Protein backbone atom coordinates (compact mmCIF):
# COMPACT_ATOMS: atom_id res chain seq x y z
CA MET A 1 -10.92 -82.34 -12.67
CA GLU A 2 -13.31 -80.52 -10.39
CA SER A 3 -16.65 -81.86 -11.65
CA THR A 4 -18.16 -84.12 -14.28
CA GLN A 5 -21.68 -84.00 -15.67
CA ILE A 6 -23.02 -86.96 -17.64
CA SER A 7 -26.09 -86.74 -19.86
CA LYS A 8 -27.64 -89.42 -22.04
CA ILE A 9 -29.48 -88.54 -25.25
CA ASN A 10 -31.51 -91.02 -27.26
CA PHE A 11 -31.23 -91.27 -31.02
CA GLU A 12 -34.23 -89.87 -32.90
CA ASN A 13 -35.31 -92.25 -35.62
CA GLU A 14 -37.43 -89.69 -37.44
CA THR A 15 -34.63 -87.18 -38.00
CA LYS A 16 -31.83 -89.75 -37.88
CA SER A 17 -29.87 -87.50 -35.50
CA PHE A 18 -29.18 -86.54 -31.90
CA ASN A 19 -30.86 -83.38 -30.56
CA LEU A 20 -28.38 -81.52 -28.36
CA GLY A 21 -30.49 -78.37 -28.11
CA PHE A 22 -31.80 -78.99 -24.60
CA LEU A 23 -28.35 -79.38 -23.04
CA ASP A 24 -27.21 -76.54 -20.79
CA PHE A 25 -23.55 -75.85 -20.04
CA ILE A 26 -23.09 -73.56 -17.04
CA ILE A 27 -19.64 -71.93 -17.13
CA ASP A 28 -18.59 -69.00 -14.97
CA PRO A 29 -16.94 -66.53 -17.40
CA PHE A 30 -14.82 -65.01 -14.59
CA GLU A 31 -13.30 -68.30 -13.46
CA GLN A 32 -11.67 -69.68 -16.59
CA ASP A 33 -8.03 -68.65 -16.27
CA ASP A 34 -6.77 -71.83 -14.61
CA LYS A 35 -9.46 -74.23 -15.81
CA ILE A 36 -9.99 -76.28 -18.93
CA GLN A 37 -13.61 -76.91 -19.93
CA GLU A 38 -14.08 -80.02 -22.05
CA ILE A 39 -17.11 -81.57 -23.71
CA LEU A 40 -16.82 -85.27 -24.66
CA ILE A 41 -19.57 -86.72 -26.86
CA ASN A 42 -19.78 -90.45 -27.64
CA CYS A 43 -22.25 -91.34 -30.38
CA LYS A 44 -23.36 -94.95 -30.95
CA THR A 45 -26.38 -96.10 -32.94
CA ASN A 46 -27.77 -99.32 -34.35
CA TYR A 47 -27.11 -98.01 -37.86
CA TYR A 48 -23.31 -97.97 -37.48
CA ASP A 49 -20.97 -100.59 -36.12
CA GLU A 50 -18.42 -98.05 -35.02
CA SER A 51 -18.97 -95.41 -32.33
CA LEU A 52 -17.87 -91.81 -32.88
CA ALA A 53 -16.27 -89.69 -30.17
CA TYR A 54 -15.97 -85.87 -30.22
CA LEU A 55 -13.75 -84.00 -27.75
CA MET A 56 -14.20 -80.20 -27.59
CA ARG A 57 -12.48 -77.64 -25.42
CA VAL A 58 -14.70 -74.62 -24.79
CA LYS A 59 -14.39 -71.18 -23.26
CA ALA A 60 -17.29 -68.95 -22.30
CA PHE A 61 -17.68 -65.36 -23.43
CA LEU A 62 -18.14 -62.62 -20.91
CA CYS A 63 -21.70 -61.36 -20.59
CA GLN A 64 -22.94 -60.06 -23.95
CA LEU A 65 -25.44 -57.35 -24.83
CA GLY A 66 -28.81 -58.14 -23.28
CA GLU A 67 -27.24 -60.16 -20.45
CA PHE A 68 -26.11 -59.53 -16.89
CA TYR A 69 -23.87 -61.46 -14.49
CA ILE A 70 -25.48 -63.17 -11.52
CA SER A 71 -25.04 -66.46 -9.64
CA SER A 72 -21.78 -67.34 -11.46
CA SER A 73 -23.37 -67.11 -14.92
CA CYS A 74 -24.84 -64.73 -17.47
CA GLN A 75 -28.63 -64.37 -17.51
CA GLN A 76 -30.80 -62.59 -20.08
CA CYS A 77 -32.53 -59.31 -19.23
CA GLN A 78 -36.30 -59.63 -19.44
CA SER A 79 -37.50 -56.89 -21.80
CA GLU A 80 -41.15 -57.85 -21.14
CA GLN A 81 -40.61 -56.67 -17.58
CA GLY A 82 -38.91 -53.42 -18.64
CA PHE A 83 -35.26 -54.48 -18.37
CA TYR A 84 -32.51 -54.29 -20.98
CA SER A 85 -28.73 -54.11 -21.30
CA VAL A 86 -26.66 -52.43 -24.03
CA THR A 87 -23.27 -52.74 -22.31
CA TYR A 88 -20.95 -55.71 -22.14
CA ASN A 89 -20.11 -57.52 -18.91
CA THR A 90 -22.61 -55.68 -16.74
CA THR A 91 -23.85 -56.84 -13.36
CA LYS A 92 -27.37 -55.43 -13.64
CA CYS A 93 -29.97 -54.59 -16.26
CA SER A 94 -31.04 -51.05 -17.08
CA ILE A 95 -34.64 -49.92 -16.60
CA PHE A 96 -37.00 -48.79 -19.38
CA ASP A 97 -37.34 -44.98 -19.55
CA LYS A 98 -40.82 -44.10 -20.80
CA ASN A 99 -39.80 -40.47 -21.46
CA LYS A 100 -37.04 -41.37 -23.93
CA PHE A 101 -37.93 -44.84 -25.25
CA GLU A 102 -40.75 -46.12 -27.43
CA ALA A 103 -39.85 -49.78 -26.94
CA ILE A 104 -36.97 -52.08 -26.01
CA THR A 105 -35.68 -55.59 -26.51
CA SER A 106 -33.17 -57.27 -24.25
CA ASN A 107 -30.30 -55.55 -26.11
CA LYS A 108 -31.82 -52.79 -28.28
CA ILE A 109 -33.54 -49.42 -27.74
CA LEU A 110 -36.21 -47.74 -29.87
CA LEU A 111 -35.71 -44.02 -29.21
CA LYS A 112 -38.46 -41.43 -29.36
CA ILE A 113 -38.22 -38.44 -31.71
CA GLY A 114 -35.91 -35.76 -30.31
CA TYR A 115 -33.41 -38.09 -28.62
CA TRP A 116 -29.94 -39.29 -29.66
CA ARG A 117 -27.29 -41.74 -28.47
CA PRO A 118 -23.76 -42.20 -29.82
CA HIS A 119 -23.35 -45.98 -30.34
CA TYR A 120 -24.90 -49.39 -29.69
CA THR A 121 -23.00 -50.00 -26.47
CA SER A 122 -23.93 -46.65 -24.91
CA ASP A 123 -26.69 -46.22 -22.37
CA ASP A 124 -26.40 -42.41 -22.49
CA VAL A 125 -29.40 -40.89 -24.26
CA GLU A 126 -29.34 -37.13 -24.86
CA LEU A 127 -32.10 -34.69 -25.74
CA CYS A 128 -31.54 -32.79 -29.01
CA TYR A 129 -32.39 -29.53 -27.26
CA LYS A 130 -31.60 -27.13 -30.13
CA ASN A 131 -33.63 -28.80 -32.87
CA GLN A 132 -35.50 -31.85 -31.65
CA TYR A 133 -37.00 -32.65 -35.05
CA LEU A 134 -33.49 -33.29 -36.43
CA CYS A 135 -33.28 -36.42 -34.24
CA GLN A 136 -35.82 -38.76 -35.82
CA GLY A 137 -35.61 -41.57 -33.29
CA GLY A 138 -35.61 -45.29 -34.12
CA TRP A 139 -33.59 -48.41 -33.44
CA GLY A 140 -30.34 -46.95 -34.86
CA VAL A 141 -27.57 -44.91 -33.26
CA ASN A 142 -25.48 -41.84 -34.07
CA ASN A 143 -25.98 -40.67 -37.68
CA GLU A 144 -28.75 -43.20 -38.27
CA LEU A 145 -30.97 -41.18 -35.94
CA CYS A 146 -30.45 -37.90 -37.81
CA PHE A 147 -32.62 -36.12 -40.35
CA ARG A 148 -31.41 -36.11 -43.95
CA GLY A 149 -28.27 -34.01 -44.41
CA HIS A 150 -27.39 -33.96 -40.70
CA LEU A 151 -24.92 -35.97 -38.66
CA GLY A 152 -22.66 -35.83 -35.59
CA GLY A 153 -23.46 -35.21 -31.95
CA LEU A 154 -27.14 -34.37 -31.43
CA CYS A 155 -27.39 -34.19 -35.26
CA GLU A 156 -26.11 -30.60 -35.24
CA GLU A 157 -23.50 -30.91 -38.02
CA CYS A 158 -24.04 -30.92 -41.77
CA ASP A 159 -22.97 -33.78 -44.02
CA ARG A 160 -20.38 -31.76 -45.96
CA PHE A 161 -18.52 -34.77 -47.35
CA ASN A 162 -21.49 -36.97 -48.35
CA VAL A 163 -20.79 -39.44 -45.55
CA ARG A 164 -24.38 -40.75 -45.53
CA GLY A 165 -24.72 -40.90 -49.30
CA ASP A 166 -27.51 -38.30 -49.61
CA GLY A 167 -25.29 -35.63 -51.16
CA GLN A 168 -23.31 -32.70 -49.80
CA PHE A 169 -24.96 -30.25 -47.44
CA PHE A 170 -23.91 -26.89 -46.02
CA LYS A 171 -25.24 -24.91 -43.07
CA ASN A 172 -27.53 -22.01 -43.84
CA GLN A 173 -26.25 -19.45 -41.33
CA GLN A 174 -29.54 -17.58 -41.24
CA SER A 175 -31.86 -20.51 -40.51
CA VAL A 176 -29.04 -22.66 -39.00
CA GLU A 177 -30.24 -25.65 -41.03
CA CYS A 178 -28.45 -27.88 -43.52
CA GLU A 179 -29.28 -27.34 -47.18
CA GLN A 180 -28.18 -29.38 -50.15
CA CYS A 181 -25.33 -28.04 -52.23
CA GLN A 182 -27.23 -28.50 -55.49
CA ASP A 183 -29.49 -25.53 -54.68
CA THR A 184 -27.01 -22.98 -56.09
CA THR A 185 -29.44 -20.35 -57.43
CA LYS A 186 -30.60 -19.12 -54.04
CA ARG A 187 -27.06 -19.19 -52.66
CA LEU A 188 -25.73 -17.27 -55.66
CA ILE A 189 -28.31 -14.51 -55.16
CA ALA A 190 -27.44 -14.29 -51.47
CA PHE A 191 -23.74 -14.15 -52.33
CA PHE A 192 -24.17 -11.16 -54.67
CA LEU A 193 -26.44 -9.31 -52.23
CA ILE A 194 -23.96 -9.74 -49.38
CA SER A 195 -21.09 -8.71 -51.69
CA ILE A 196 -22.88 -5.49 -52.66
CA TRP A 197 -23.69 -4.76 -49.03
CA ALA A 198 -20.06 -5.35 -48.00
CA ILE A 199 -18.79 -2.84 -50.56
CA LEU A 200 -21.50 -0.27 -49.75
CA SER A 201 -20.86 -0.44 -45.99
CA THR A 202 -17.13 -0.03 -46.60
CA LEU A 203 -17.75 2.96 -48.90
CA LEU A 204 -20.00 4.49 -46.25
CA THR A 205 -17.23 4.20 -43.68
CA ILE A 206 -14.58 5.57 -46.07
CA GLY A 207 -16.78 8.55 -46.98
CA SER A 208 -17.46 9.36 -43.33
CA ILE A 209 -13.77 9.16 -42.41
CA GLU A 210 -12.82 11.27 -45.41
CA LYS A 211 -15.31 13.97 -44.38
CA SER A 212 -13.90 13.93 -40.86
CA ASN A 213 -10.34 14.29 -42.17
CA ILE A 214 -11.26 17.25 -44.41
CA LEU A 215 -13.16 18.92 -41.56
CA PHE A 216 -10.25 18.48 -39.17
CA ALA A 217 -7.79 19.93 -41.71
CA GLN A 218 -9.98 22.98 -42.33
CA LEU A 219 -10.55 23.71 -38.65
CA LYS A 220 -6.90 23.16 -37.79
CA LEU A 221 -5.81 25.82 -40.21
CA ARG A 222 -8.53 28.46 -39.83
CA GLN A 223 -10.21 28.23 -36.44
CA LYS A 224 -9.31 28.57 -32.80
CA PHE A 225 -10.43 25.79 -30.50
CA ALA A 226 -10.23 23.52 -33.52
CA HIS A 227 -10.38 20.36 -31.42
CA ILE A 228 -13.70 21.31 -29.78
CA LEU A 229 -15.24 22.49 -33.04
CA PHE A 230 -14.11 19.30 -34.75
CA LYS A 231 -15.95 17.13 -32.23
CA LEU A 232 -19.09 19.24 -32.58
CA ASN A 233 -19.10 19.08 -36.37
CA GLN A 234 -17.64 15.60 -36.90
CA ASP A 235 -19.58 13.26 -39.19
CA HIS A 236 -20.88 10.39 -37.00
CA GLU A 237 -22.94 8.67 -39.67
CA SER A 238 -20.78 5.56 -40.12
CA ILE A 239 -19.96 5.30 -36.40
CA LEU A 240 -23.60 5.35 -35.34
CA PHE A 241 -24.57 2.96 -38.11
CA LYS A 242 -21.84 0.53 -37.11
CA LEU A 243 -22.81 0.71 -33.44
CA PHE A 244 -26.42 0.02 -34.39
CA LEU A 245 -25.43 -3.10 -36.35
CA ASN A 246 -23.12 -4.28 -33.56
CA TYR A 247 -25.89 -4.09 -30.97
CA LEU A 248 -28.27 -5.98 -33.24
CA TRP A 249 -25.56 -8.58 -33.83
CA ILE A 250 -25.20 -9.08 -30.06
CA PHE A 251 -28.95 -9.62 -29.80
CA SER A 252 -28.80 -12.13 -32.66
CA LEU A 253 -26.18 -14.13 -30.72
CA ILE A 254 -28.42 -14.11 -27.65
CA PHE A 255 -31.24 -15.63 -29.70
CA THR A 256 -28.97 -18.54 -30.68
CA PHE A 257 -28.92 -19.72 -27.05
CA ASN A 258 -31.30 -22.39 -25.85
CA ILE A 259 -34.23 -19.98 -25.74
CA LYS A 260 -37.44 -20.64 -27.63
CA LEU A 261 -38.32 -17.33 -29.25
CA THR A 262 -40.02 -16.58 -32.54
CA ILE A 263 -37.79 -13.57 -33.27
CA SER A 264 -34.58 -14.01 -35.26
CA LEU A 265 -32.01 -11.32 -36.02
CA GLY A 266 -29.60 -13.54 -37.96
CA ILE A 267 -29.65 -11.14 -40.91
CA PHE A 268 -27.79 -8.54 -38.82
CA LYS A 269 -25.05 -11.05 -38.13
CA GLN A 270 -24.63 -11.39 -41.88
CA SER A 271 -24.41 -7.62 -42.26
CA ASN A 272 -21.42 -7.57 -39.89
CA ASP A 273 -19.63 -10.79 -40.90
CA THR A 274 -19.93 -10.35 -44.65
CA SER A 275 -16.76 -12.26 -45.60
CA TYR A 276 -17.74 -15.18 -43.36
CA PHE A 277 -21.11 -15.56 -45.04
CA MET A 278 -19.67 -15.02 -48.50
CA THR A 279 -17.23 -17.86 -47.82
CA ASN A 280 -20.16 -20.18 -47.08
CA PHE A 281 -21.11 -19.96 -50.74
CA PHE A 282 -17.90 -21.83 -51.66
CA GLU A 283 -18.15 -24.40 -48.86
CA CYS A 284 -19.50 -27.20 -51.06
CA PHE A 285 -16.71 -26.67 -53.59
CA LEU A 286 -14.05 -26.44 -50.89
CA SER A 287 -15.14 -29.71 -49.27
CA GLU A 288 -14.13 -31.53 -52.47
CA ILE A 289 -10.49 -30.48 -52.00
CA GLN A 290 -8.98 -33.46 -50.20
CA GLU A 291 -5.39 -32.19 -49.94
CA ILE A 292 -6.17 -29.32 -47.54
CA GLU A 293 -8.39 -29.26 -44.45
CA LEU A 294 -11.66 -27.41 -44.92
CA ILE A 295 -10.92 -24.91 -42.14
CA TYR A 296 -7.75 -23.75 -43.92
CA THR A 297 -9.38 -23.46 -47.33
CA ARG A 298 -12.15 -21.36 -45.77
CA ILE A 299 -9.57 -18.98 -44.28
CA ILE A 300 -7.75 -18.71 -47.63
CA VAL A 301 -10.99 -17.98 -49.50
CA MET A 302 -12.00 -15.39 -46.90
CA LEU A 303 -8.66 -13.58 -47.30
CA VAL A 304 -9.01 -13.71 -51.09
CA LEU A 305 -12.51 -12.21 -50.87
CA MET A 306 -11.21 -9.42 -48.65
CA VAL A 307 -8.45 -8.66 -51.18
CA CYS A 308 -11.03 -8.67 -54.00
CA GLN A 309 -13.16 -6.14 -52.13
CA ILE A 310 -10.13 -3.89 -51.62
CA LEU A 311 -9.28 -4.13 -55.34
CA VAL A 312 -12.86 -3.31 -56.36
CA ILE A 313 -12.91 -0.25 -54.13
CA PHE A 314 -9.45 0.82 -55.33
CA ILE A 315 -10.43 0.49 -59.00
CA GLY A 316 -13.71 2.30 -58.36
CA PHE A 317 -12.05 5.30 -56.69
CA LYS A 318 -9.34 5.32 -59.37
CA ILE A 319 -11.95 5.51 -62.15
CA VAL A 320 -13.83 8.28 -60.32
CA SER A 321 -10.63 10.29 -59.88
CA ILE A 322 -9.84 9.94 -63.61
CA ILE A 323 -13.35 11.00 -64.63
CA LYS A 324 -13.36 13.99 -62.26
CA ASN A 325 -9.73 14.77 -63.10
CA THR A 326 -8.73 14.82 -59.43
CA LYS A 327 -5.77 13.39 -57.60
CA PHE A 328 -6.24 9.89 -56.25
CA LYS A 329 -5.88 9.81 -52.46
CA SER A 330 -3.73 6.88 -51.35
CA LEU A 331 -5.16 7.27 -47.85
CA ILE A 332 -8.31 5.54 -49.13
CA ILE A 333 -6.42 2.24 -49.50
CA SER A 334 -5.16 2.28 -45.91
CA ILE A 335 -8.65 3.15 -44.64
CA THR A 336 -10.12 0.29 -46.68
CA ILE A 337 -7.58 -2.22 -45.39
CA LEU A 338 -8.19 -1.12 -41.80
CA GLN A 339 -11.96 -1.35 -42.33
CA MET A 340 -11.61 -4.87 -43.77
CA TYR A 341 -9.55 -5.95 -40.78
CA VAL A 342 -11.93 -4.50 -38.19
CA GLN A 343 -14.98 -5.90 -39.97
CA ASN A 344 -13.66 -9.43 -40.49
CA TYR A 345 -11.13 -10.30 -37.78
CA ALA A 346 -13.89 -11.92 -35.67
CA SER A 347 -14.92 -14.01 -38.68
CA LEU A 348 -11.37 -15.31 -39.09
CA LEU A 349 -11.37 -16.41 -35.47
CA ASN A 350 -14.82 -17.95 -35.94
CA GLN A 351 -13.46 -20.40 -38.51
């Protein structure tokens, strides 16, 4: 036995009890391995003939949230002086940051709007640099700090699986914001418009390639210097149009960086990645399939949509050939498949 501390407490007649609240037990939490801390309480009053004895063995916790270790014990951080602690077993208190915090207690932080932190025992506070209004601030952490329909790191992900109980949300690729799945009318209109554009752009490419093939065949048979004449007379309509859209798509990606500009060219990204944006229409339905991961169901749906586009184009050309009483050119199918691959391979990787 290293030390003994004896305290005497008088019986309170008014409450008919002993008040042990003012007793302090100083125990070093780092020096308990080979020691046994015991508290012996002997109670004797004039109301009872017998005396009661209580023997308790105690062990101190390491420093908790809001405390720091100093002078062989844990002391509380003084929030009134701008000090707090949100980590266990620390040796010093953290200092109030007026740029990120609205207020503090000894073990809690009230964040300002636009800031986010992952959990209660983290002192790392990050700025939501993409969309500051999505991080609402407050006493909470992680998803509790996010605007409705958002969750994850810096509140940048959508609540696809109704984790927060506000419903299912999907990401609007044009405004890069989360919208509720129940708003199907607007999404259905966008789906049909993108579908029509996907078929028209493919038909434009097929028509241009077909013209080039016919021109090359004519010049090859009838003209000298056919190769030079072919380049001079080749139809560049689809090539130039595709280059134009590709350049605009590159600019739209640049605007997604951390640059505050009022211009947005997201619509040109949709014109290039048609299958990717068409797949977003089914995202809310796909998230309900528990047996398969969402990323795989998205890829399957994208491939199905590409096959559907090929079938629509095939049936369309077949009907035209029957009406005009001309031979159907099987080369159209190979051109369509190649066009679908070139147009959507980046979208498959983007999943």
